[in-house]
Structure formats: structure tokens, C-alpha cells
C-alpha atoms as a PDB file:
ATOM      1  CA  MET A   1       5.183  -8.058  36.954  1.00  0.00           C
ATOM      2  CA  SER A   2       1.916  -8.773  35.153  1.00  0.00           C
ATOM      3  CA  ASN A   3       0.174  -6.303  37.500  1.00  0.00           C
ATOM      4  CA  LEU A   4       2.612  -3.606  36.389  1.00  0.00           C
ATOM      5  CA  GLY A   5       1.795  -4.401  32.752  1.00  0.00           C
ATOM      6  CA  PHE A   6      -1.926  -4.302  33.493  1.00  0.00           C
ATOM      7  CA  THR A   7      -1.600  -1.043  35.455  1.00  0.00           C
ATOM      8  CA  SER A   8       0.423   0.528  32.649  1.00  0.00           C
ATOM      9  CA  ARG A   9      -2.173  -0.514  30.062  1.00  0.00           C
ATOM     10  CA  VAL A  10      -5.031   0.862  32.162  1.00  0.00           C
ATOM     11  CA  PHE A  11      -3.149   4.139  32.678  1.00  0.00           C
ATOM     12  CA  LEU A  12      -2.416   4.407  28.948  1.00  0.00           C
ATOM     13  CA  GLN A  13      -6.075   3.728  28.091  1.00  0.00           C
ATOM     14  CA  LEU A  14      -7.193   6.342  30.613  1.00  0.00           C
ATOM     15  CA  ILE A  15      -4.853   8.957  29.108  1.00  0.00           C
ATOM     16  CA  LEU A  16      -6.070   8.081  25.604  1.00  0.00           C
ATOM     17  CA  CYS A  17      -9.712   8.352  26.657  1.00  0.00           C
ATOM     18  CA  LEU A  18      -9.177  11.686  28.364  1.00  0.00           C
ATOM     19  CA  SER A  19      -7.438  13.165  25.328  1.00  0.00           C
ATOM     20  CA  LEU A  20      -9.822  11.735  22.788  1.00  0.00           C
ATOM     21  CA  ILE A  21     -12.211  14.085  21.004  1.00  0.00           C
ATOM     22  CA  ASN A  22     -12.174  12.012  17.857  1.00  0.00           C
ATOM     23  CA  CYS A  23     -14.181  12.376  14.686  1.00  0.00           C
ATOM     24  CA  SER A  24     -16.948  14.242  16.461  1.00  0.00           C
ATOM     25  CA  ALA A  25     -14.878  17.315  17.180  1.00  0.00           C
ATOM     26  CA  VAL A  26     -16.261  20.702  16.220  1.00  0.00           C
ATOM     27  CA  PRO A  27     -13.767  23.495  15.667  1.00  0.00           C
ATOM     28  CA  SER A  28     -14.061  26.117  18.359  1.00  0.00           C
ATOM     29  CA  SER A  29     -15.616  29.356  17.202  1.00  0.00           C
ATOM     30  CA  ASN A  30     -13.009  31.472  19.006  1.00  0.00           C
ATOM     31  CA  GLN A  31     -10.227  30.147  16.745  1.00  0.00           C
ATOM     32  CA  SER A  32      -9.542  32.451  13.813  1.00  0.00           C
ATOM     33  CA  PRO A  33      -9.917  30.747  10.423  1.00  0.00           C
ATOM     34  CA  SER A  34      -6.446  31.805   9.332  1.00  0.00           C
ATOM     35  CA  SER A  35      -4.631  30.288  12.294  1.00  0.00           C
ATOM     36  CA  SER A  36      -3.106  26.887  11.768  1.00  0.00           C
ATOM     37  CA  ILE A  37      -1.095  24.224  13.500  1.00  0.00           C
ATOM     38  CA  ASP A  38       2.071  22.846  11.941  1.00  0.00           C
ATOM     39  CA  ALA A  39       2.569  19.124  11.495  1.00  0.00           C
ATOM     40  CA  VAL A  40       5.755  17.797  13.065  1.00  0.00           C
ATOM     41  CA  PRO A  41       8.104  16.327  10.439  1.00  0.00           C
ATOM     42  CA  LEU A  42       9.759  13.070  11.445  1.00  0.00           C
ATOM     43  CA  ALA A  43      13.062  11.560  10.305  1.00  0.00           C
ATOM     44  CA  ASN A  44      11.379   9.597   7.484  1.00  0.00           C
ATOM     45  CA  LYS A  45       9.356  12.502   6.067  1.00  0.00           C
ATOM     46  CA  VAL A  46       8.222  12.414   2.451  1.00  0.00           C
ATOM     47  CA  ALA A  47       8.320  15.567   0.308  1.00  0.00           C
ATOM     48  CA  LEU A  48       4.582  16.176   0.020  1.00  0.00           C
ATOM     49  CA  GLN A  49       5.123  18.010  -3.279  1.00  0.00           C
ATOM     50  CA  ASN A  50       6.153  14.638  -4.785  1.00  0.00           C
ATOM     51  CA  GLU A  51       2.621  13.586  -5.712  1.00  0.00           C
ATOM     52  CA  LEU A  52       3.647  10.292  -7.279  1.00  0.00           C
ATOM     53  CA  LEU A  53       5.461   9.162  -4.144  1.00  0.00           C
ATOM     54  CA  VAL A  54       2.627  10.363  -1.891  1.00  0.00           C
ATOM     55  CA  LYS A  55       0.034   8.507  -4.020  1.00  0.00           C
ATOM     56  CA  ASN A  56       2.132   5.337  -3.936  1.00  0.00           C
ATOM     57  CA  LYS A  57       2.416   5.527  -0.148  1.00  0.00           C
ATOM     58  CA  LEU A  58      -1.353   6.072   0.164  1.00  0.00           C
ATOM     59  CA  TYR A  59      -2.093   3.038  -2.029  1.00  0.00           C
ATOM     60  CA  VAL A  60       0.262   0.940   0.113  1.00  0.00           C
ATOM     61  CA  GLN A  61      -1.672   2.120   3.176  1.00  0.00           C
ATOM     62  CA  LEU A  62      -4.970   1.246   1.480  1.00  0.00           C
ATOM     63  CA  ASN A  63      -3.731  -2.267   0.697  1.00  0.00           C
ATOM     64  CA  GLU A  64      -2.608  -2.757   4.297  1.00  0.00           C
ATOM     65  CA  TRP A  65      -5.751  -1.352   5.950  1.00  0.00           C
ATOM     66  CA  LYS A  66      -8.627  -1.872   3.477  1.00  0.00           C
ATOM     67  CA  GLY A  67     -11.715  -3.147   5.253  1.00  0.00           C
ATOM     68  CA  VAL A  68     -10.451  -2.542   8.792  1.00  0.00           C
ATOM     69  CA  PRO A  69     -13.672  -1.665  10.647  1.00  0.00           C
ATOM     70  CA  PHE A  70     -14.481   1.751  12.032  1.00  0.00           C
ATOM     71  CA  LYS A  71     -14.374   1.941  15.809  1.00  0.00           C
ATOM     72  CA  PHE A  72     -14.987   5.216  17.597  1.00  0.00           C
ATOM     73  CA  GLY A  73     -11.799   5.884  19.571  1.00  0.00           C
ATOM     74  CA  GLY A  74     -10.045   2.908  17.952  1.00  0.00           C
ATOM     75  CA  PHE A  75      -6.402   2.986  16.933  1.00  0.00           C
ATOM     76  CA  SER A  76      -5.605  -0.507  15.639  1.00  0.00           C
ATOM     77  CA  LYS A  77      -6.491  -2.996  12.921  1.00  0.00           C
ATOM     78  CA  GLN A  78      -9.230  -4.291  15.221  1.00  0.00           C
ATOM     79  CA  GLY A  79     -10.964  -0.936  14.674  1.00  0.00           C
ATOM     80  CA  ILE A  80      -9.952   2.647  13.940  1.00  0.00           C
ATOM     81  CA  ASP A  81     -11.691   5.993  13.637  1.00  0.00           C
ATOM     82  CA  CYS A  82     -11.163   8.595  10.929  1.00  0.00           C
ATOM     83  CA  SER A  83      -8.767  10.923  12.738  1.00  0.00           C
ATOM     84  CA  ALA A  84      -6.690   8.047  14.112  1.00  0.00           C
ATOM     85  CA  PHE A  85      -6.412   6.575  10.608  1.00  0.00           C
ATOM     86  CA  VAL A  86      -5.252   9.928   9.211  1.00  0.00           C
ATOM     87  CA  LEU A  87      -2.765  10.355  12.067  1.00  0.00           C
ATOM     88  CA  HIS A  88      -1.425   6.820  11.593  1.00  0.00           C
ATOM     89  CA  THR A  89      -1.172   7.170   7.802  1.00  0.00           C
ATOM     90  CA  TYR A  90       0.682  10.456   7.998  1.00  0.00           C
ATOM     91  CA  LYS A  91       3.062   9.159  10.668  1.00  0.00           C
ATOM     92  CA  SER A  92       3.820   5.720   9.221  1.00  0.00           C
ATOM     93  CA  LYS A  93       3.730   6.423   5.483  1.00  0.00           C
ATOM     94  CA  LEU A  94       4.454  10.133   5.043  1.00  0.00           C
ATOM     95  CA  GLY A  95       6.613  10.907   8.076  1.00  0.00           C
ATOM     96  CA  TYR A  96       4.590  13.646   9.762  1.00  0.00           C
ATOM     97  CA  LEU A  97       3.020  13.737  13.191  1.00  0.00           C
ATOM     98  CA  LEU A  98      -0.472  15.248  13.184  1.00  0.00           C
ATOM     99  CA  PRO A  99      -2.800  16.044  16.076  1.00  0.00           C
ATOM    100  CA  ARG A 100      -5.017  13.147  17.214  1.00  0.00           C
ATOM    101  CA  THR A 101      -8.396  14.772  16.669  1.00  0.00           C
ATOM    102  CA  THR A 102     -10.357  15.979  13.674  1.00  0.00           C
ATOM    103  CA  LYS A 103     -10.776  19.321  15.434  1.00  0.00           C
ATOM    104  CA  PHE A 104      -7.052  19.988  15.477  1.00  0.00           C
ATOM    105  CA  GLN A 105      -6.296  18.222  12.200  1.00  0.00           C
ATOM    106  CA  SER A 106      -8.654  20.724  10.558  1.00  0.00           C
ATOM    107  CA  LYS A 107      -6.231  23.480  11.607  1.00  0.00           C
ATOM    108  CA  VAL A 108      -3.040  21.887  10.246  1.00  0.00           C
ATOM    109  CA  GLY A 109      -1.434  23.679   7.300  1.00  0.00           C
ATOM    110  CA  TYR A 110      -3.408  26.008   5.087  1.00  0.00           C
ATOM    111  CA  GLU A 111      -6.731  25.801   3.298  1.00  0.00           C
ATOM    112  CA  VAL A 112      -6.783  24.857  -0.387  1.00  0.00           C
ATOM    113  CA  ASN A 113      -9.559  25.032  -2.956  1.00  0.00           C
ATOM    114  CA  LYS A 114     -11.382  21.782  -3.672  1.00  0.00           C
ATOM    115  CA  ASN A 115     -10.449  22.168  -7.359  1.00  0.00           C
ATOM    116  CA  ASP A 116      -6.725  22.374  -6.489  1.00  0.00           C
ATOM    117  CA  LEU A 117      -6.416  19.220  -4.399  1.00  0.00           C
ATOM    118  CA  ARG A 118      -3.337  17.056  -4.657  1.00  0.00           C
ATOM    119  CA  ALA A 119      -2.389  13.720  -3.120  1.00  0.00           C
ATOM    120  CA  GLY A 120      -1.942  13.990   0.640  1.00  0.00           C
ATOM    121  CA  ASP A 121      -4.271  16.932   1.240  1.00  0.00           C
ATOM    122  CA  LEU A 122      -6.664  16.495   4.154  1.00  0.00           C
ATOM    123  CA  VAL A 123     -10.351  16.640   3.241  1.00  0.00           C
ATOM    124  CA  PHE A 124     -12.956  17.473   5.875  1.00  0.00           C
ATOM    125  CA  PHE A 125     -16.689  16.946   6.020  1.00  0.00           C
ATOM    126  CA  LYS A 126     -19.509  18.125   8.264  1.00  0.00           C
ATOM    127  CA  THR A 127     -21.428  14.907   8.749  1.00  0.00           C
ATOM    128  CA  GLY A 128     -23.861  16.171  11.352  1.00  0.00           C
ATOM    129  CA  LEU A 129     -24.728  19.167  13.462  1.00  0.00           C
ATOM    130  CA  THR A 130     -21.683  18.626  15.686  1.00  0.00           C
ATOM    131  CA  THR A 131     -19.763  15.864  13.925  1.00  0.00           C
ATOM    132  CA  ARG A 132     -16.826  16.106  11.530  1.00  0.00           C
ATOM    133  CA  HIS A 133     -15.014  13.553   9.378  1.00  0.00           C
ATOM    134  CA  VAL A 134     -11.543  13.555   7.802  1.00  0.00           C
ATOM    135  CA  GLY A 135      -9.847  11.683   4.982  1.00  0.00           C
ATOM    136  CA  ILE A 136      -6.777  12.005   2.764  1.00  0.00           C
ATOM    137  CA  TYR A 137      -7.099  13.012  -0.877  1.00  0.00           C
ATOM    138  CA  MET A 138      -5.531  10.540  -3.327  1.00  0.00           C
ATOM    139  CA  GLU A 139      -6.255  11.469  -6.949  1.00  0.00           C
ATOM    140  CA  GLY A 140      -9.064  11.810  -9.475  1.00  0.00           C
ATOM    141  CA  GLY A 141     -11.653  12.922  -6.932  1.00  0.00           C
ATOM    142  CA  LYS A 142     -10.923   9.981  -4.576  1.00  0.00           C
ATOM    143  CA  PHE A 143     -10.003  10.067  -0.909  1.00  0.00           C
ATOM    144  CA  LEU A 144      -8.865   7.461   1.622  1.00  0.00           C
ATOM    145  CA  HIS A 145     -10.611   7.306   4.978  1.00  0.00           C
ATOM    146  CA  ALA A 146     -12.113   5.202   7.754  1.00  0.00           C
ATOM    147  CA  SER A 147     -15.825   5.134   6.961  1.00  0.00           C
ATOM    148  CA  THR A 148     -18.217   4.556   9.845  1.00  0.00           C
ATOM    149  CA  SER A 149     -20.207   2.050   7.768  1.00  0.00           C
ATOM    150  CA  LYS A 150     -17.558   0.327   5.599  1.00  0.00           C
ATOM    151  CA  GLY A 151     -14.292   0.753   7.485  1.00  0.00           C
ATOM    152  CA  VAL A 152     -11.139   1.821   5.665  1.00  0.00           C
ATOM    153  CA  ILE A 153     -12.027   2.479   2.033  1.00  0.00           C
ATOM    154  CA  VAL A 154     -11.604   4.877  -0.859  1.00  0.00           C
ATOM    155  CA  SER A 155     -14.608   7.106  -1.616  1.00  0.00           C
ATOM    156  CA  ARG A 156     -15.316   9.759  -4.198  1.00  0.00           C
ATOM    157  CA  LEU A 157     -15.762  13.436  -3.378  1.00  0.00           C
ATOM    158  CA  ASP A 158     -18.567  13.620  -5.956  1.00  0.00           C
ATOM    159  CA  ASN A 159     -20.500  10.811  -4.248  1.00  0.00           C
ATOM    160  CA  VAL A 160     -23.980  12.098  -3.362  1.00  0.00           C
ATOM    161  CA  TYR A 161     -23.319  11.764   0.361  1.00  0.00           C
ATOM    162  CA  TRP A 162     -19.781  13.164   0.505  1.00  0.00           C
ATOM    163  CA  HIS A 163     -20.426  15.954  -2.010  1.00  0.00           C
ATOM    164  CA  GLY A 164     -23.170  17.345   0.199  1.00  0.00           C
ATOM    165  CA  LYS A 165     -21.090  17.077   3.375  1.00  0.00           C
ATOM    166  CA  TYR A 166     -17.820  18.587   2.066  1.00  0.00           C
ATOM    167  CA  TRP A 167     -16.476  21.307   4.391  1.00  0.00           C
ATOM    168  CA  LYS A 168     -12.873  22.191   3.479  1.00  0.00           C
ATOM    169  CA  SER A 169      -9.423  20.897   2.529  1.00  0.00           C
ATOM    170  CA  MET A 170      -6.074  21.566   4.162  1.00  0.00           C
ATOM    171  CA  ARG A 171      -2.510  21.166   2.876  1.00  0.00           C
ATOM    172  CA  LEU A 172       0.488  20.730   5.128  1.00  0.00           C
ATOM    173  CA  LYS A 173       3.161  23.401   4.990  1.00  0.00           C
END
């Protein structure tokens, strides 16, 4: 029986590894900028237009996850990466299923201007030649994310580092 459990865990880890592109995903150039992927609403979905409720849910998530370390490919409180944190937050707090990777999360919904952000919008950054990062906008220029250096934290869009790396923002339909 324990061998079956071990075999199942190994199989699950193998599937996860094979499907993992993670925070280093670069959008493919053959994808048109106007095409998007829809998030899948779940039974407990929150009306994303209700900014107060969305902000409250995001602050609850921050309180539960603050300081959890970044781990490339991680998906638990022992370590989590940026796209997994966004996926988990949207699923557990807002009731939407998003793609696992930054590459596909960057295609969910429709693009919004940085000046028009509202709580729950996804914010994307180009952090290197081929690397991307994602977080969730909260309010007042702040976003929630899994930082590679500080783990799950709130950062400011006008921070010298993040301001220079900003790429785009997406809002779910």
C-alpha cells in the first residue's frame, strides 16, 4: 500500500515537472497580442468588480502566506513560485482557475492600462531577457506576489526595480 502511495506521488511529481514552465516563461511570438485565455470560474467565485471584497480576500491571503519562501516550481507553504502563488490565490480566495504558468497567465482576460488598475488585476514584469514575473494588484500602487528574494510579500509598482521591469497588466473577463 505504501508503494502505491509512493508511486502515485512520483507520478504526480513527474506530471507537474513536465507541465511546469513557471515564472521563466516567455510568451510565444506567434500568439497574437489580442488573443486571450478565459479563467475558469468555480462555484465559490467572487465578483471581481467588487473591489472591496477582492482587496479583503487578497489581504487574507497575504496574512496566511506572508514570508513563505520562493521556490522555483514550488506549490506549497514550504516554497512557492510566482505563477503558482497567483494560481493558488485566484483559486482559493477568488474562485477562478488560472493556467499554471506565467506564459499563459499573461494571456488571461484583457489588457488594462497601468493607470486603471483595480484590485485583482494581474501585473506582469520582464525580469530578464527570457524571464517573466507575475503578481496581483491590490491598491494604491501595491501588488502581492512571491518574490524570489523575500518570498510572499507586497511590493510597490513605483519601486525602482519593479517600475523598470513593468510589462503589462491583465484583467479577467
